[in-house]
Each structure stands twice: as C-alpha cells, then as structure tokens.
Amino acid sequence: MKAAYRTSTYQVVTVTPTTLSVRALVGHRGRGATPAARVGSTLDSFTLTR
C-alpha cells in the first residue's frame, strides 16, 4: 500500500473475461503534497487474474 499526503486520485478500472485491473491516477496535488507524482501519472496499480 502506498500513502499520499494532499494528493487526490481517481481510479481507472479495466475488466476483461480473465482480469480486473485497477490504476490510481493522480488528479490533483495540493501544497506540500507527497509523493512527488505528476498529475495524470499512476500512483498505484494492481491486476487480479482469474
């Protein structure tokens, strides 16, 4: 698990017959935000495979 301070994310979910993938993308960074990830970059992700 990753932690982010003063960082908003949104999730992109992709589903196929055999996988479920989730990506947390940075939507906004406030003053003093950590980590130093750019808006639009992937903060965290995972894939479940059947």
PDB file of N, CA and C in Angstrom:
ATOM      1  N   MET A   1       0.838  -1.166   0.000  1.00  0.00           N
ATOM      2  CA  MET A   1       0.000   0.000   0.000  1.00  0.00           C
ATOM      3  C   MET A   1       0.883   1.229   0.000  1.00  0.00           C
ATOM      4  N   LYS A   2       0.478   2.235  -0.770  1.00  0.00           N
ATOM      5  CA  LYS A   2       1.205   3.490  -0.824  1.00  0.00           C
ATOM      6  C   LYS A   2       0.406   4.568  -0.114  1.00  0.00           C
ATOM      7  N   ALA A   3       1.101   5.509   0.474  1.00  0.00           N
ATOM      8  CA  ALA A   3       0.447   6.629   1.148  1.00  0.00           C
ATOM      9  C   ALA A   3       0.707   7.902   0.350  1.00  0.00           C
ATOM     10  N   ALA A   4      -0.269   8.775   0.327  1.00  0.00           N
ATOM     11  CA  ALA A   4      -0.132  10.050  -0.357  1.00  0.00           C
ATOM     12  C   ALA A   4      -0.755  11.131   0.516  1.00  0.00           C
ATOM     13  N   TYR A   5      -0.032  12.219   0.691  1.00  0.00           N
ATOM     14  CA  TYR A   5      -0.474  13.330   1.511  1.00  0.00           C
ATOM     15  C   TYR A   5      -0.867  14.488   0.607  1.00  0.00           C
ATOM     16  N   ARG A   6      -2.081  15.001   0.788  1.00  0.00           N
ATOM     17  CA  ARG A   6      -2.610  16.125  -0.004  1.00  0.00           C
ATOM     18  C   ARG A   6      -2.591  15.831  -1.500  1.00  0.00           C
ATOM     19  N   THR A   7      -2.947  14.603  -1.828  1.00  0.00           N
ATOM     20  CA  THR A   7      -2.989  14.162  -3.221  1.00  0.00           C
ATOM     21  C   THR A   7      -4.333  13.493  -3.480  1.00  0.00           C
ATOM     22  N   SER A   8      -5.075  13.986  -4.484  1.00  0.00           N
ATOM     23  CA  SER A   8      -6.347  13.372  -4.879  1.00  0.00           C
ATOM     24  C   SER A   8      -6.090  12.401  -6.016  1.00  0.00           C
ATOM     25  N   THR A   9      -6.787  11.271  -5.980  1.00  0.00           N
ATOM     26  CA  THR A   9      -6.654  10.292  -7.057  1.00  0.00           C
ATOM     27  C   THR A   9      -8.030   9.909  -7.585  1.00  0.00           C
ATOM     28  N   TYR A  10      -8.027   9.359  -8.789  1.00  0.00           N
ATOM     29  CA  TYR A  10      -9.218   8.722  -9.330  1.00  0.00           C
ATOM     30  C   TYR A  10      -8.794   7.364  -9.863  1.00  0.00           C
ATOM     31  N   GLN A  11      -9.744   6.448  -9.921  1.00  0.00           N
ATOM     32  CA  GLN A  11      -9.436   5.075 -10.299  1.00  0.00           C
ATOM     33  C   GLN A  11      -9.919   4.773 -11.712  1.00  0.00           C
ATOM     34  N   VAL A  12      -9.095   4.061 -12.442  1.00  0.00           N
ATOM     35  CA  VAL A  12      -9.443   3.563 -13.764  1.00  0.00           C
ATOM     36  C   VAL A  12      -9.511   2.049 -13.638  1.00  0.00           C
ATOM     37  N   VAL A  13     -10.681   1.477 -13.911  1.00  0.00           N
ATOM     38  CA  VAL A  13     -10.901   0.042 -13.774  1.00  0.00           C
ATOM     39  C   VAL A  13     -11.106  -0.557 -15.159  1.00  0.00           C
ATOM     40  N   THR A  14     -10.355  -1.605 -15.458  1.00  0.00           N
ATOM     41  CA  THR A  14     -10.468  -2.314 -16.732  1.00  0.00           C
ATOM     42  C   THR A  14     -10.813  -3.763 -16.433  1.00  0.00           C
ATOM     43  N   VAL A  15     -11.861  -4.261 -17.094  1.00  0.00           N
ATOM     44  CA  VAL A  15     -12.319  -5.631 -16.871  1.00  0.00           C
ATOM     45  C   VAL A  15     -12.310  -6.386 -18.196  1.00  0.00           C
ATOM     46  N   THR A  16     -11.708  -7.576 -18.175  1.00  0.00           N
ATOM     47  CA  THR A  16     -11.775  -8.499 -19.305  1.00  0.00           C
ATOM     48  C   THR A  16     -12.338  -9.808 -18.760  1.00  0.00           C
ATOM     49  N   PRO A  17     -12.598 -10.789 -19.612  1.00  0.00           N
ATOM     50  CA  PRO A  17     -13.113 -12.061 -19.100  1.00  0.00           C
ATOM     51  C   PRO A  17     -12.187 -12.746 -18.077  1.00  0.00           C
ATOM     52  N   THR A  18     -10.887 -12.442 -18.098  1.00  0.00           N
ATOM     53  CA  THR A  18      -9.959 -13.129 -17.191  1.00  0.00           C
ATOM     54  C   THR A  18      -9.197 -12.204 -16.230  1.00  0.00           C
ATOM     55  N   THR A  19      -9.336 -10.887 -16.368  1.00  0.00           N
ATOM     56  CA  THR A  19      -8.592  -9.978 -15.489  1.00  0.00           C
ATOM     57  C   THR A  19      -9.439  -8.794 -15.042  1.00  0.00           C
ATOM     58  N   LEU A  20      -9.044  -8.245 -13.898  1.00  0.00           N
ATOM     59  CA  LEU A  20      -9.586  -6.987 -13.402  1.00  0.00           C
ATOM     60  C   LEU A  20      -8.372  -6.144 -13.028  1.00  0.00           C
ATOM     61  N   SER A  21      -8.207  -5.000 -13.675  1.00  0.00           N
ATOM     62  CA  SER A  21      -7.068  -4.128 -13.414  1.00  0.00           C
ATOM     63  C   SER A  21      -7.558  -2.801 -12.866  1.00  0.00           C
ATOM     64  N   VAL A  22      -6.845  -2.300 -11.863  1.00  0.00           N
ATOM     65  CA  VAL A  22      -7.194  -1.024 -11.247  1.00  0.00           C
ATOM     66  C   VAL A  22      -5.944  -0.163 -11.201  1.00  0.00           C
ATOM     67  N   ARG A  23      -6.065   1.090 -11.645  1.00  0.00           N
ATOM     68  CA  ARG A  23      -4.972   2.059 -11.562  1.00  0.00           C
ATOM     69  C   ARG A  23      -5.471   3.285 -10.811  1.00  0.00           C
ATOM     70  N   ALA A  24      -4.685   3.785  -9.877  1.00  0.00           N
ATOM     71  CA  ALA A  24      -4.991   5.028  -9.172  1.00  0.00           C
ATOM     72  C   ALA A  24      -4.146   6.125  -9.809  1.00  0.00           C
ATOM     73  N   LEU A  25      -4.812   7.069 -10.467  1.00  0.00           N
ATOM     74  CA  LEU A  25      -4.124   8.157 -11.151  1.00  0.00           C
ATOM     75  C   LEU A  25      -4.225   9.433 -10.332  1.00  0.00           C
ATOM     76  N   VAL A  26      -3.163  10.216 -10.338  1.00  0.00           N
ATOM     77  CA  VAL A  26      -3.140  11.476  -9.606  1.00  0.00           C
ATOM     78  C   VAL A  26      -4.016  12.485 -10.334  1.00  0.00           C
ATOM     79  N   GLY A  27      -5.018  13.019  -9.616  1.00  0.00           N
ATOM     80  CA  GLY A  27      -5.920  14.004 -10.200  1.00  0.00           C
ATOM     81  C   GLY A  27      -5.595  15.424  -9.795  1.00  0.00           C
ATOM     82  N   HIS A  28      -5.037  15.588  -8.586  1.00  0.00           N
ATOM     83  CA  HIS A  28      -4.696  16.919  -8.082  1.00  0.00           C
ATOM     84  C   HIS A  28      -3.671  16.779  -6.975  1.00  0.00           C
ATOM     85  N   ARG A  29      -2.753  17.728  -6.908  1.00  0.00           N
ATOM     86  CA  ARG A  29      -1.757  17.785  -5.833  1.00  0.00           C
ATOM     87  C   ARG A  29      -1.875  19.121  -5.127  1.00  0.00           C
ATOM     88  N   GLY A  30      -2.012  19.082  -3.812  1.00  0.00           N
ATOM     89  CA  GLY A  30      -2.074  20.304  -3.028  1.00  0.00           C
ATOM     90  C   GLY A  30      -0.684  20.766  -2.622  1.00  0.00           C
ATOM     91  N   ARG A  31      -0.630  21.909  -1.967  1.00  0.00           N
ATOM     92  CA  ARG A  31       0.647  22.440  -1.486  1.00  0.00           C
ATOM     93  C   ARG A  31       1.258  21.462  -0.484  1.00  0.00           C
ATOM     94  N   GLY A  32       2.511  21.127  -0.665  1.00  0.00           N
ATOM     95  CA  GLY A  32       3.203  20.206   0.229  1.00  0.00           C
ATOM     96  C   GLY A  32       2.856  18.750   0.011  1.00  0.00           C
ATOM     97  N   ALA A  33       2.286  18.418  -1.145  1.00  0.00           N
ATOM     98  CA  ALA A  33       1.856  17.044  -1.433  1.00  0.00           C
ATOM     99  C   ALA A  33       3.049  16.102  -1.540  1.00  0.00           C
ATOM    100  N   THR A  34       2.834  14.891  -1.047  1.00  0.00           N
ATOM    101  CA  THR A  34       3.827  13.830  -1.222  1.00  0.00           C
ATOM    102  C   THR A  34       3.090  12.583  -1.678  1.00  0.00           C
ATOM    103  N   PRO A  35       3.655  11.715  -2.463  1.00  0.00           N
ATOM    104  CA  PRO A  35       4.971  11.795  -3.079  1.00  0.00           C
ATOM    105  C   PRO A  35       4.967  12.785  -4.238  1.00  0.00           C
ATOM    106  N   ALA A  36       6.123  12.991  -4.836  1.00  0.00           N
ATOM    107  CA  ALA A  36       6.263  13.952  -5.938  1.00  0.00           C
ATOM    108  C   ALA A  36       5.832  13.315  -7.251  1.00  0.00           C
ATOM    109  N   ALA A  37       4.548  13.000  -7.369  1.00  0.00           N
ATOM    110  CA  ALA A  37       3.999  12.394  -8.587  1.00  0.00           C
ATOM    111  C   ALA A  37       3.256  13.466  -9.380  1.00  0.00           C
ATOM    112  N   ARG A  38       3.413  13.464 -10.675  1.00  0.00           N
ATOM    113  CA  ARG A  38       2.743  14.442 -11.530  1.00  0.00           C
ATOM    114  C   ARG A  38       1.266  14.115 -11.696  1.00  0.00           C
ATOM    115  N   VAL A  39       0.462  15.150 -11.927  1.00  0.00           N
ATOM    116  CA  VAL A  39      -0.955  14.955 -12.231  1.00  0.00           C
ATOM    117  C   VAL A  39      -1.055  14.113 -13.499  1.00  0.00           C
ATOM    118  N   GLY A  40      -1.881  13.074 -13.453  1.00  0.00           N
ATOM    119  CA  GLY A  40      -2.056  12.173 -14.593  1.00  0.00           C
ATOM    120  C   GLY A  40      -1.188  10.928 -14.530  1.00  0.00           C
ATOM    121  N   SER A  41      -0.218  10.904 -13.615  1.00  0.00           N
ATOM    122  CA  SER A  41       0.642   9.728 -13.518  1.00  0.00           C
ATOM    123  C   SER A  41      -0.004   8.668 -12.620  1.00  0.00           C
ATOM    124  N   THR A  42       0.452   7.437 -12.754  1.00  0.00           N
ATOM    125  CA  THR A  42      -0.074   6.328 -11.953  1.00  0.00           C
ATOM    126  C   THR A  42       0.589   6.341 -10.587  1.00  0.00           C
ATOM    127  N   LEU A  43      -0.238   6.417  -9.538  1.00  0.00           N
ATOM    128  CA  LEU A  43       0.270   6.384  -8.165  1.00  0.00           C
ATOM    129  C   LEU A  43       0.389   4.946  -7.670  1.00  0.00           C
ATOM    130  N   ASP A  44      -0.576   4.109  -8.048  1.00  0.00           N
ATOM    131  CA  ASP A  44      -0.576   2.708  -7.622  1.00  0.00           C
ATOM    132  C   ASP A  44      -1.430   1.912  -8.596  1.00  0.00           C
ATOM    133  N   SER A  45      -1.199   0.607  -8.680  1.00  0.00           N
ATOM    134  CA  SER A  45      -1.997  -0.231  -9.579  1.00  0.00           C
ATOM    135  C   SER A  45      -1.903  -1.686  -9.134  1.00  0.00           C
ATOM    136  N   PHE A  46      -2.889  -2.457  -9.571  1.00  0.00           N
ATOM    137  CA  PHE A  46      -2.857  -3.900  -9.357  1.00  0.00           C
ATOM    138  C   PHE A  46      -3.735  -4.583 -10.387  1.00  0.00           C
ATOM    139  N   THR A  47      -3.478  -5.880 -10.609  1.00  0.00           N
ATOM    140  CA  THR A  47      -4.269  -6.690 -11.525  1.00  0.00           C
ATOM    141  C   THR A  47      -4.595  -8.014 -10.863  1.00  0.00           C
ATOM    142  N   LEU A  48      -5.862  -8.393 -10.926  1.00  0.00           N
ATOM    143  CA  LEU A  48      -6.306  -9.707 -10.460  1.00  0.00           C
ATOM    144  C   LEU A  48      -6.561 -10.564 -11.682  1.00  0.00           C
ATOM    145  N   THR A  49      -6.010 -11.769 -11.663  1.00  0.00           N
ATOM    146  CA  THR A  49      -6.165 -12.684 -12.783  1.00  0.00           C
ATOM    147  C   THR A  49      -6.918 -13.921 -12.327  1.00  0.00           C
ATOM    148  N   ARG A  50      -7.858 -14.320 -13.149  1.00  0.00           N
ATOM    149  CA  ARG A  50      -8.688 -15.479 -12.830  1.00  0.00           C
ATOM    150  C   ARG A  50      -7.962 -16.753 -13.114  1.00  0.00           C
TER     151      ARG A  50
END
